[in-house]
Amino acid sequence: MTNKNVLIPLSLLLPLLLMCFSPLHAQEQHSENMTLKILLEQVLDYYPSLETAALQVEKARQTSALIESRLGWQVAGQGGISKDMSLFGSPVTSLNIGGQMTRQLTDGDSMAVVAMISRDDADQTLPTLPNPALNSSIELQYRKPLRQGKENTGYQADIKDAQALVKRLTAAQQLIFDQLAEQMIELYAGTLATQQRIETIKATIAHTQRLHEFIIGRVNFGIAEDKDRLQTDAQLNSLKAQLEVLELIKTRQTININRLLGKSWQSPLTLVRNDRIPTSDNLKFVIKDVNTHSPALQINAAEIALAEIQIERQQDINQDKFDLVFSVGHRGLNGDNSSGSIHNNELVGGVQVEYGRALDLSANDTALYQARLERDIALQNKKEITRDLEYKVATVIAELRGIAGAIKAYRISVASEHDKLDEAVKRYRTGRITIDQVIQFENQTATSELELALQQIEYQRTLDRLDLLRGVLLNTIKLPAQNHTHEH
């Protein structure tokens, strides 16, 4: 047979070499050792919906600044020229300029400074009157609501409304934190369990392989039968098939974790278990922590506050308008008449009462009734959320205690199975039992070890769930900084 050399063009070979030795390829081949703490920090730092929630909170915070700006001075002005008929039936040309500054106070009162100057030039007028005449005035007005608007209910309600909105959006952001953390806890524990199964299968394969080689040696010397070799060979094939299935499951779980971390789907990772000691399993104290942390309860509290604010606002709107208005100022009239120059300047002032009432209050009454219904609905939801949290906490604590008991039992079982397997191997070497029994004992030992490890993983998963409910888990990790630059 003639050997032929196959030449690969450099244009095809170079990209392959670059792919093999590129930093990206090397990074993808490196498997990171990840604890739950590291996973949570990375997912919270990456996940887009968290950034969106943070922006919504920041936007809501700006609402308070907008509302507070309403208490600043407001300036308005006007001016114009007109031609009309005077009281004496002659044409008159008027030029006027005016302006005012108003400000509302935090207690509901308001003040205004009004100034105006006008020049009237009539074709004919009385000899005693100046023509053209220059009129000027400046007045300070102070308004004090005695019923509707007293204590600035509308403004205070808007401020409370904005604050409640910030609290609700902040709680919604915390809810996203918790949902992502809960999802990561499940993926983390599930992947750890798969890793443990893989490690157990590999250990069993190694042990069975040694036993298989031992049997082959005995068969060659005629001490053991060939059926023993066939049995261990079948055991190895079965274990390798199980290993392939588990590796596929691990790949799928890794892809799901990488999706949450924002990494390439093929980035390998190895999870490391970090066992933590439970801080408390006292139901009363734990429920107190859970109620304090619960984003659902915080959102509900904001909804109750919003309903109560709306009730206050509608109750104020339903009142009659009854204001006291005080004024003090200066009036001036200047000009020339047939007798000479006129300069009249006087201080003026007064107090008056303004009253108003809507004749049809049905719409306002309906709005008030709806606000009270919203509050009742929110209060009912609070009872349901609190009750569900109590049952959830009680269930998790019961699971923790049950799993702790199972771990103790499995530790005893593993020790017994090891003793039984060691004894079986010794008896097989002396020909007192068959290989079937050895394989059976080996499977039982591997199963006990696996179940112990799985129960330990399940214990940590349940503990993580409880600490997440209490708000303890996220307190142990570094949350992403939400720094935003705004252009004003």
Protein backbone atom coordinates (compact mmCIF):
# COMPACT_ATOMS: atom_id res chain seq x y z
CA MET A 1 0.00 0.00 0.00
CA THR A 2 1.33 3.42 -0.94
CA ASN A 3 1.20 6.19 1.71
CA LYS A 4 0.20 9.58 0.33
CA ASN A 5 0.87 12.82 2.16
CA VAL A 6 -2.17 15.09 2.37
CA LEU A 7 -1.27 18.78 2.23
CA ILE A 8 -3.57 21.23 4.02
CA PRO A 9 -3.48 24.77 2.63
CA LEU A 10 -2.12 27.37 5.07
CA SER A 11 -5.26 29.48 4.58
CA LEU A 12 -7.31 26.67 6.17
CA LEU A 13 -4.77 25.63 8.78
CA LEU A 14 -4.12 29.10 10.25
CA PRO A 15 -7.66 29.74 11.53
CA LEU A 16 -7.67 26.34 13.22
CA LEU A 17 -4.41 27.11 14.98
CA LEU A 18 -5.66 30.53 16.09
CA MET A 19 -8.86 28.98 17.45
CA CYS A 20 -6.93 26.41 19.43
CA PHE A 21 -4.57 28.91 21.04
CA SER A 22 -6.75 32.02 21.30
CA PRO A 23 -7.42 33.45 24.80
CA LEU A 24 -11.17 32.99 24.30
CA HIS A 25 -10.77 29.30 23.60
CA ALA A 26 -8.49 28.92 26.60
CA GLN A 27 -11.00 30.74 28.79
CA GLU A 28 -13.86 28.52 27.65
CA GLN A 29 -11.86 25.42 28.50
CA HIS A 30 -11.18 26.68 32.01
CA SER A 31 -13.80 25.55 34.51
CA GLU A 32 -14.54 27.97 37.35
CA ASN A 33 -15.17 26.77 40.87
CA MET A 34 -18.36 28.55 41.88
CA THR A 35 -20.13 28.79 45.22
CA LEU A 36 -23.72 29.95 45.54
CA LYS A 37 -22.46 33.29 46.87
CA ILE A 38 -20.35 33.89 43.75
CA LEU A 39 -23.19 32.82 41.46
CA LEU A 40 -25.63 35.21 43.13
CA GLU A 41 -23.22 38.14 42.97
CA GLN A 42 -22.62 37.54 39.27
CA VAL A 43 -26.27 37.05 38.31
CA LEU A 44 -27.37 40.12 40.27
CA ASP A 45 -24.61 42.17 38.68
CA TYR A 46 -25.57 41.09 35.15
CA TYR A 47 -29.30 40.57 34.90
CA PRO A 48 -30.88 43.31 32.72
CA SER A 49 -34.26 43.42 34.50
CA LEU A 50 -32.49 44.48 37.71
CA GLU A 51 -31.01 47.52 35.99
CA THR A 52 -34.43 48.35 34.57
CA ALA A 53 -35.97 48.11 38.04
CA ALA A 54 -33.24 50.36 39.47
CA LEU A 55 -33.93 52.97 36.77
CA GLN A 56 -37.64 52.87 37.60
CA VAL A 57 -36.87 53.49 41.29
CA GLU A 58 -34.61 56.41 40.39
CA LYS A 59 -37.29 57.85 38.11
CA ALA A 60 -39.86 57.60 40.94
CA ARG A 61 -37.49 59.41 43.32
CA GLN A 62 -37.38 62.38 40.96
CA THR A 63 -41.17 62.74 41.28
CA SER A 64 -40.80 64.08 44.83
CA ALA A 65 -38.43 66.77 43.58
CA LEU A 66 -40.97 67.79 40.93
CA ILE A 67 -43.75 68.03 43.51
CA GLU A 68 -41.61 70.03 45.95
CA SER A 69 -40.80 72.52 43.21
CA ARG A 70 -44.47 73.56 43.28
CA LEU A 71 -43.75 75.41 46.54
CA GLY A 72 -41.31 77.74 44.82
CA TRP A 73 -42.16 81.20 43.55
CA GLN A 74 -44.14 81.23 40.30
CA VAL A 75 -43.85 84.28 38.03
CA ALA A 76 -46.36 85.46 35.42
CA GLY A 77 -46.66 88.63 33.39
CA GLN A 78 -48.80 90.30 30.79
CA GLY A 79 -48.82 93.48 28.70
CA GLY A 80 -50.61 95.01 25.76
CA ILE A 81 -52.16 97.96 24.03
CA SER A 82 -55.83 98.54 23.30
CA LYS A 83 -58.23 101.19 22.00
CA ASP A 84 -61.68 101.48 23.48
CA MET A 85 -64.40 103.95 24.46
CA SER A 86 -64.15 105.83 27.74
CA LEU A 87 -67.03 106.46 30.14
CA PHE A 88 -67.55 109.82 28.45
CA GLY A 89 -67.96 108.27 25.01
CA SER A 90 -64.65 109.35 23.58
CA PRO A 91 -61.92 107.07 22.23
CA VAL A 92 -59.15 106.14 24.66
CA THR A 93 -55.86 104.37 23.98
CA SER A 94 -54.53 102.19 26.80
CA LEU A 95 -51.06 100.74 27.28
CA ASN A 96 -50.67 98.36 30.22
CA ILE A 97 -47.97 96.12 31.71
CA GLY A 98 -48.45 93.84 34.73
CA GLY A 99 -47.00 90.89 36.53
CA GLN A 100 -47.40 88.73 39.57
CA MET A 101 -45.41 86.39 41.78
CA THR A 102 -47.21 83.62 43.68
CA ARG A 103 -46.10 81.00 46.13
CA GLN A 104 -47.90 78.24 48.00
CA LEU A 105 -46.76 77.42 51.54
CA THR A 106 -46.47 73.98 53.10
CA ASP A 107 -49.42 74.64 55.45
CA GLY A 108 -51.79 75.32 52.55
CA ASP A 109 -51.69 79.12 52.73
CA SER A 110 -50.52 81.08 49.71
CA MET A 111 -49.22 84.56 49.00
CA ALA A 112 -49.04 86.67 45.89
CA VAL A 113 -47.45 89.97 44.86
CA VAL A 114 -49.34 91.67 42.05
CA ALA A 115 -48.07 94.79 40.25
CA MET A 116 -49.58 96.75 37.34
CA ILE A 117 -48.94 100.01 35.51
CA SER A 118 -51.10 101.48 32.75
CA ARG A 119 -51.23 104.64 30.67
CA ASP A 120 -54.61 105.92 29.38
CA ASP A 121 -54.74 108.62 26.69
CA ALA A 122 -58.28 109.80 25.87
CA ASP A 123 -59.33 112.19 23.11
CA GLN A 124 -61.65 114.00 25.55
CA THR A 125 -62.08 113.89 29.35
CA LEU A 126 -63.14 116.07 32.26
CA PRO A 127 -60.85 119.03 32.97
CA THR A 128 -60.21 117.83 36.52
CA LEU A 129 -58.94 114.45 35.38
CA PRO A 130 -55.34 113.91 34.20
CA ASN A 131 -54.89 113.08 30.55
CA PRO A 132 -52.89 111.15 29.74
CA ALA A 133 -53.20 109.37 33.08
CA LEU A 134 -50.62 106.99 34.57
CA ASN A 135 -52.11 104.38 36.98
CA SER A 136 -49.87 102.12 39.08
CA SER A 137 -50.56 99.57 41.78
CA ILE A 138 -48.72 96.97 43.82
CA GLU A 139 -50.47 94.62 46.20
CA LEU A 140 -49.54 91.81 48.56
CA GLN A 141 -52.27 89.16 48.93
CA TYR A 142 -52.37 86.39 51.54
CA ARG A 143 -54.87 83.54 51.20
CA LYS A 144 -55.72 81.22 54.08
CA PRO A 145 -57.96 78.17 53.36
CA LEU A 146 -60.20 77.25 56.28
CA ARG A 147 -61.79 74.12 54.79
CA GLN A 148 -60.76 72.69 51.40
CA GLY A 149 -56.99 72.92 50.96
CA LYS A 150 -56.35 73.46 54.66
CA GLU A 151 -52.89 72.15 55.65
CA ASN A 152 -52.18 71.77 51.92
CA THR A 153 -53.78 68.33 51.78
CA GLY A 154 -53.32 67.99 48.02
CA TYR A 155 -49.61 68.76 48.16
CA GLN A 156 -49.04 66.50 51.18
CA ALA A 157 -50.98 63.72 49.47
CA ASP A 158 -48.86 64.04 46.33
CA ILE A 159 -45.64 63.86 48.38
CA LYS A 160 -46.87 60.77 50.24
CA ASP A 161 -48.02 59.30 46.93
CA ALA A 162 -44.53 59.71 45.45
CA GLN A 163 -42.90 58.22 48.54
CA ALA A 164 -45.25 55.22 48.47
CA LEU A 165 -44.48 54.71 44.78
CA VAL A 166 -40.74 54.65 45.53
CA LYS A 167 -41.34 52.07 48.27
CA ARG A 168 -43.44 49.92 45.96
CA LEU A 169 -40.89 50.01 43.13
CA THR A 170 -38.04 49.34 45.57
CA ALA A 171 -39.94 46.32 46.87
CA ALA A 172 -40.57 45.21 43.28
CA GLN A 173 -36.81 45.44 42.68
CA GLN A 174 -36.24 43.31 45.78
CA LEU A 175 -38.80 40.83 44.46
CA ILE A 176 -36.75 40.44 41.27
CA PHE A 177 -33.66 39.89 43.43
CA ASP A 178 -35.46 37.16 45.36
CA GLN A 179 -36.92 35.48 42.27
CA LEU A 180 -33.53 35.33 40.59
CA ALA A 181 -31.90 34.07 43.80
CA GLU A 182 -34.57 31.39 44.19
CA GLN A 183 -34.04 30.28 40.60
CA MET A 184 -30.28 30.17 41.12
CA ILE A 185 -30.66 28.19 44.38
CA GLU A 186 -32.63 25.50 42.52
CA LEU A 187 -30.14 25.38 39.63
CA TYR A 188 -27.19 25.36 42.01
CA ALA A 189 -28.59 22.52 44.14
CA GLY A 190 -29.73 20.54 41.10
CA THR A 191 -26.34 20.85 39.43
CA LEU A 192 -24.55 19.94 42.65
CA ALA A 193 -26.71 16.82 42.89
CA THR A 194 -25.85 15.90 39.30
CA GLN A 195 -22.15 16.45 40.00
CA GLN A 196 -22.43 14.22 43.06
CA ARG A 197 -24.10 11.48 41.02
CA ILE A 198 -21.34 11.77 38.41
CA GLU A 199 -18.64 11.53 41.07
CA THR A 200 -20.35 8.51 42.64
CA ILE A 201 -20.69 6.79 39.27
CA LYS A 202 -17.02 7.46 38.48
CA ALA A 203 -15.94 6.09 41.86
CA THR A 204 -18.07 3.01 41.34
CA ILE A 205 -16.65 2.54 37.84
CA ALA A 206 -13.11 2.74 39.21
CA HIS A 207 -13.90 0.22 41.94
CA THR A 208 -15.67 -2.11 39.51
CA GLN A 209 -12.79 -1.79 37.06
CA ARG A 210 -10.33 -2.96 39.73
CA LEU A 211 -12.63 -5.83 40.60
CA HIS A 212 -12.97 -6.67 36.90
CA GLU A 213 -9.19 -6.82 36.47
CA PHE A 214 -8.91 -8.99 39.57
CA ILE A 215 -11.50 -11.40 38.17
CA ILE A 216 -9.76 -11.58 34.78
CA GLY A 217 -6.58 -12.64 36.56
CA ARG A 218 -8.47 -15.34 38.46
CA VAL A 219 -10.14 -16.53 35.24
CA ASN A 220 -6.76 -16.82 33.54
CA PHE A 221 -5.55 -19.00 36.37
CA GLY A 222 -8.74 -21.05 36.30
CA ILE A 223 -9.75 -19.93 39.81
CA ALA A 224 -12.87 -17.99 38.70
CA GLU A 225 -15.47 -18.67 36.06
CA ASP A 226 -15.87 -16.59 32.92
CA LYS A 227 -19.43 -15.67 33.94
CA ASP A 228 -17.93 -13.55 36.75
CA ARG A 229 -16.00 -11.56 34.18
CA LEU A 230 -19.13 -11.13 32.09
CA GLN A 231 -21.08 -9.87 35.09
CA THR A 232 -18.54 -7.20 36.01
CA ASP A 233 -18.24 -6.28 32.35
CA ALA A 234 -22.02 -5.77 32.18
CA GLN A 235 -21.86 -3.73 35.38
CA LEU A 236 -19.20 -1.46 33.85
CA ASN A 237 -21.21 -0.96 30.66
CA SER A 238 -24.32 -0.06 32.66
CA LEU A 239 -22.40 2.44 34.80
CA LYS A 240 -20.82 4.07 31.76
CA ALA A 241 -24.25 4.45 30.12
CA GLN A 242 -25.57 6.11 33.29
CA LEU A 243 -22.54 8.41 33.29
CA GLU A 244 -23.29 9.53 29.73
CA VAL A 245 -26.86 10.45 30.68
CA LEU A 246 -25.68 12.37 33.75
CA GLU A 247 -23.10 14.27 31.72
CA LEU A 248 -25.86 15.38 29.35
CA ILE A 249 -28.01 16.56 32.28
CA LYS A 250 -25.03 18.46 33.70
CA THR A 251 -24.51 20.16 30.32
CA ARG A 252 -28.11 21.34 30.25
CA GLN A 253 -27.90 22.67 33.80
CA THR A 254 -24.63 24.47 33.03
CA ILE A 255 -26.24 26.15 30.01
CA ASN A 256 -29.12 27.37 32.17
CA ILE A 257 -26.74 28.81 34.76
CA ASN A 258 -24.61 30.49 32.09
CA ARG A 259 -27.77 32.07 30.65
CA LEU A 260 -28.51 33.72 34.01
CA LEU A 261 -24.87 34.82 34.34
CA GLY A 262 -24.78 36.28 30.84
CA LYS A 263 -21.92 34.02 29.81
CA SER A 264 -21.34 31.90 26.73
CA TRP A 265 -23.56 28.80 26.82
CA GLN A 266 -20.50 26.56 26.49
CA SER A 267 -18.53 28.10 29.37
CA PRO A 268 -17.72 25.20 31.72
CA LEU A 269 -18.13 25.56 35.47
CA THR A 270 -17.77 23.42 38.56
CA LEU A 271 -19.96 24.11 41.55
CA VAL A 272 -18.53 23.91 45.05
CA ARG A 273 -20.71 23.29 48.06
CA ASN A 274 -20.32 25.76 50.90
CA ASP A 275 -22.13 24.31 53.89
CA ARG A 276 -23.55 26.88 56.26
CA ILE A 277 -24.85 26.46 59.79
CA PRO A 278 -28.50 27.48 60.30
CA THR A 279 -28.86 30.64 62.38
CA SER A 280 -32.27 29.83 63.84
CA ASP A 281 -35.22 27.52 63.29
CA ASN A 282 -37.49 29.10 65.89
CA LEU A 283 -40.75 29.49 64.00
CA LYS A 284 -41.84 32.67 65.81
CA PHE A 285 -38.57 34.53 65.25
CA VAL A 286 -38.18 33.32 61.67
CA ILE A 287 -41.71 34.43 60.70
CA LYS A 288 -40.96 37.86 62.16
CA ASP A 289 -37.84 38.14 59.96
CA VAL A 290 -39.75 36.88 56.92
CA ASN A 291 -42.57 39.41 57.38
CA THR A 292 -40.02 42.22 57.73
CA HIS A 293 -38.18 41.22 54.56
CA SER A 294 -41.05 40.03 52.35
CA PRO A 295 -41.19 42.11 49.13
CA ALA A 296 -44.80 41.01 48.65
CA LEU A 297 -45.75 42.50 52.03
CA GLN A 298 -43.78 45.67 51.26
CA ILE A 299 -45.62 46.07 47.96
CA ASN A 300 -48.90 45.45 49.77
CA ALA A 301 -48.01 48.08 52.41
CA ALA A 302 -47.36 50.60 49.63
CA GLU A 303 -50.73 49.76 48.06
CA ILE A 304 -52.48 50.32 51.41
CA ALA A 305 -50.68 53.65 51.80
CA LEU A 306 -51.66 54.72 48.27
CA ALA A 307 -55.31 53.89 48.97
CA GLU A 308 -55.29 55.84 52.25
CA ILE A 309 -53.67 58.81 50.52
CA GLN A 310 -56.40 58.77 47.88
CA ILE A 311 -59.01 58.71 50.65
CA GLU A 312 -57.43 61.80 52.25
CA ARG A 313 -57.33 63.57 48.89
CA GLN A 314 -60.98 62.83 48.11
CA GLN A 315 -62.13 63.84 51.57
CA ASP A 316 -60.44 67.20 51.07
CA ILE A 317 -61.99 67.65 47.62
CA ASN A 318 -65.45 66.94 49.05
CA GLN A 319 -65.21 69.88 51.48
CA ASP A 320 -66.59 73.34 50.75
CA LYS A 321 -64.17 76.02 49.66
CA PHE A 322 -63.90 78.68 52.39
CA ASP A 323 -60.91 81.05 52.21
CA LEU A 324 -59.89 84.23 53.97
CA VAL A 325 -58.01 86.67 51.72
CA PHE A 326 -55.98 89.54 53.18
CA SER A 327 -54.50 92.28 51.01
CA VAL A 328 -52.38 95.39 51.48
CA GLY A 329 -50.86 97.60 48.82
CA HIS A 330 -50.36 100.93 47.13
CA ARG A 331 -52.31 102.79 44.43
CA GLY A 332 -51.02 105.73 42.42
CA LEU A 333 -52.52 108.14 39.87
CA ASN A 334 -50.26 110.62 38.08
CA GLY A 335 -50.73 113.02 35.20
CA ASP A 336 -51.51 116.59 34.06
CA ASN A 337 -54.86 118.32 33.78
CA SER A 338 -55.94 121.83 32.95
CA SER A 339 -55.06 123.03 36.46
CA GLY A 340 -51.60 121.44 36.69
CA SER A 341 -50.01 118.16 37.78
CA ILE A 342 -51.80 115.48 39.82
CA HIS A 343 -49.96 113.03 42.08
CA ASN A 344 -52.30 110.84 44.15
CA ASN A 345 -50.70 107.98 46.16
CA GLU A 346 -52.63 105.97 48.75
CA LEU A 347 -52.11 102.88 50.90
CA VAL A 348 -54.92 100.36 50.43
CA GLY A 349 -55.87 97.11 52.11
CA GLY A 350 -58.72 94.80 53.00
CA VAL A 351 -59.97 91.39 53.97
CA GLN A 352 -62.59 89.28 52.26
CA VAL A 353 -64.18 85.84 52.47
CA GLU A 354 -64.46 83.53 49.46
CA TYR A 355 -66.87 80.61 49.49
CA GLY A 356 -67.55 77.90 46.94
CA ARG A 357 -69.40 74.61 46.84
CA ALA A 358 -70.01 72.01 44.17
CA LEU A 359 -73.70 71.33 43.68
CA ASP A 360 -73.17 67.76 42.45
CA LEU A 361 -70.85 65.67 44.66
CA SER A 362 -71.85 62.27 43.28
CA ALA A 363 -68.60 61.85 41.29
CA ASN A 364 -66.48 62.79 44.30
CA ASP A 365 -68.46 60.46 46.57
CA THR A 366 -67.96 57.60 44.10
CA ALA A 367 -64.22 58.26 43.93
CA LEU A 368 -64.04 58.27 47.75
CA TYR A 369 -65.97 54.98 47.92
CA GLN A 370 -63.65 53.39 45.35
CA ALA A 371 -60.58 54.49 47.33
CA ARG A 372 -61.99 52.86 50.46
CA LEU A 373 -62.67 49.68 48.50
CA GLU A 374 -59.06 49.69 47.27
CA ARG A 375 -57.86 49.94 50.86
CA ASP A 376 -60.13 47.07 51.96
CA ILE A 377 -58.88 44.89 49.08
CA ALA A 378 -55.26 45.63 50.00
CA LEU A 379 -55.91 44.83 53.67
CA GLN A 380 -57.51 41.53 52.68
CA ASN A 381 -54.52 40.72 50.47
CA LYS A 382 -52.24 41.42 53.42
CA LYS A 383 -53.99 38.73 55.47
CA GLU A 384 -53.62 36.22 52.63
CA ILE A 385 -49.93 37.03 52.02
CA THR A 386 -49.14 36.79 55.76
CA ARG A 387 -50.94 33.46 56.09
CA ASP A 388 -49.19 32.00 53.03
CA LEU A 389 -45.80 33.10 54.35
CA GLU A 390 -46.47 31.43 57.71
CA TYR A 391 -47.34 28.13 56.03
CA LYS A 392 -44.33 28.40 53.72
CA VAL A 393 -41.95 29.06 56.60
CA ALA A 394 -43.44 26.26 58.70
CA THR A 395 -43.06 23.85 55.77
CA VAL A 396 -39.42 24.80 55.15
CA ILE A 397 -38.52 24.46 58.84
CA ALA A 398 -40.24 21.06 59.01
CA GLU A 399 -38.26 19.98 55.92
CA LEU A 400 -35.01 21.15 57.51
CA ARG A 401 -35.62 19.14 60.66
CA GLY A 402 -36.70 16.07 58.67
CA ILE A 403 -33.65 16.22 56.40
CA ALA A 404 -31.34 16.62 59.42
CA GLY A 405 -32.76 13.38 60.83
CA ALA A 406 -32.34 11.63 57.48
CA ILE A 407 -28.67 12.71 57.31
CA LYS A 408 -27.97 11.12 60.68
CA ALA A 409 -29.63 7.90 59.58
CA TYR A 410 -27.73 7.78 56.27
CA ARG A 411 -24.40 8.31 58.02
CA ILE A 412 -25.07 5.19 60.08
CA SER A 413 -26.22 3.37 56.94
CA VAL A 414 -23.07 4.30 54.99
CA ALA A 415 -20.84 3.00 57.77
CA SER A 416 -22.77 -0.27 57.87
CA GLU A 417 -22.71 -0.70 54.08
CA HIS A 418 -18.93 -0.14 53.99
CA ASP A 419 -18.41 -2.79 56.64
CA LYS A 420 -20.68 -5.19 54.75
CA LEU A 421 -18.90 -4.56 51.42
CA ASP A 422 -15.42 -5.01 52.91
CA GLU A 423 -16.52 -8.30 54.44
CA ALA A 424 -18.09 -9.43 51.13
CA VAL A 425 -14.92 -8.71 49.15
CA LYS A 426 -12.86 -10.75 51.62
CA ARG A 427 -15.31 -13.65 51.40
CA TYR A 428 -15.29 -13.53 47.59
CA ARG A 429 -11.50 -13.69 47.49
CA THR A 430 -11.71 -16.86 49.52
CA GLY A 431 -14.47 -18.25 47.30
CA ARG A 432 -17.21 -18.24 49.92
CA ILE A 433 -19.71 -16.00 48.00
CA THR A 434 -20.46 -15.29 44.35
CA ILE A 435 -19.67 -12.14 42.42
CA ASP A 436 -23.42 -11.35 42.23
CA GLN A 437 -23.47 -10.68 45.95
CA VAL A 438 -20.35 -8.51 45.80
CA ILE A 439 -21.85 -6.38 43.01
CA GLN A 440 -25.10 -6.12 44.97
CA PHE A 441 -23.27 -4.96 48.13
CA GLU A 442 -21.19 -2.54 46.09
CA ASN A 443 -24.33 -1.00 44.55
CA GLN A 444 -25.93 -0.73 47.97
CA THR A 445 -22.86 1.03 49.37
CA ALA A 446 -22.70 3.48 46.46
CA THR A 447 -26.42 4.16 46.81
CA SER A 448 -26.08 4.90 50.55
CA GLU A 449 -23.13 7.24 49.95
CA LEU A 450 -24.99 9.00 47.17
CA GLU A 451 -28.16 9.41 49.24
CA LEU A 452 -26.15 10.86 52.12
CA ALA A 453 -24.51 13.41 49.84
CA LEU A 454 -27.83 14.25 48.18
CA GLN A 455 -29.49 14.76 51.55
CA GLN A 456 -26.66 17.11 52.57
CA ILE A 457 -27.16 19.08 49.34
CA GLU A 458 -30.92 19.13 49.93
CA TYR A 459 -30.35 20.40 53.48
CA GLN A 460 -28.29 23.31 52.18
CA ARG A 461 -30.85 24.03 49.46
CA THR A 462 -33.64 24.17 52.04
CA LEU A 463 -31.52 26.31 54.36
CA ASP A 464 -30.78 28.69 51.47
CA ARG A 465 -34.49 28.93 50.72
CA LEU A 466 -35.23 29.78 54.36
CA ASP A 467 -32.45 32.37 54.53
CA LEU A 468 -33.74 33.88 51.29
CA LEU A 469 -37.21 34.23 52.82
CA ARG A 470 -35.69 35.87 55.90
CA GLY A 471 -33.59 38.29 53.86
CA VAL A 472 -30.41 36.81 55.35
CA LEU A 473 -29.02 35.24 52.18
CA LEU A 474 -28.77 38.43 50.12
CA ASN A 475 -27.29 40.25 53.12
CA THR A 476 -24.23 37.99 52.84
CA ILE A 477 -23.44 38.95 49.25
CA LYS A 478 -22.28 42.13 47.60
CA LEU A 479 -25.20 43.68 45.77
CA PRO A 480 -24.50 45.55 42.52
CA ALA A 481 -24.04 49.30 42.79
CA GLN A 482 -26.81 51.20 41.05
CA ASN A 483 -25.04 54.38 39.97
CA HIS A 484 -26.67 56.37 37.21
CA THR A 485 -25.52 59.55 35.52
CA HIS A 486 -28.28 61.98 34.66
CA GLU A 487 -28.18 64.95 32.31
CA HIS A 488 -30.26 67.88 33.55
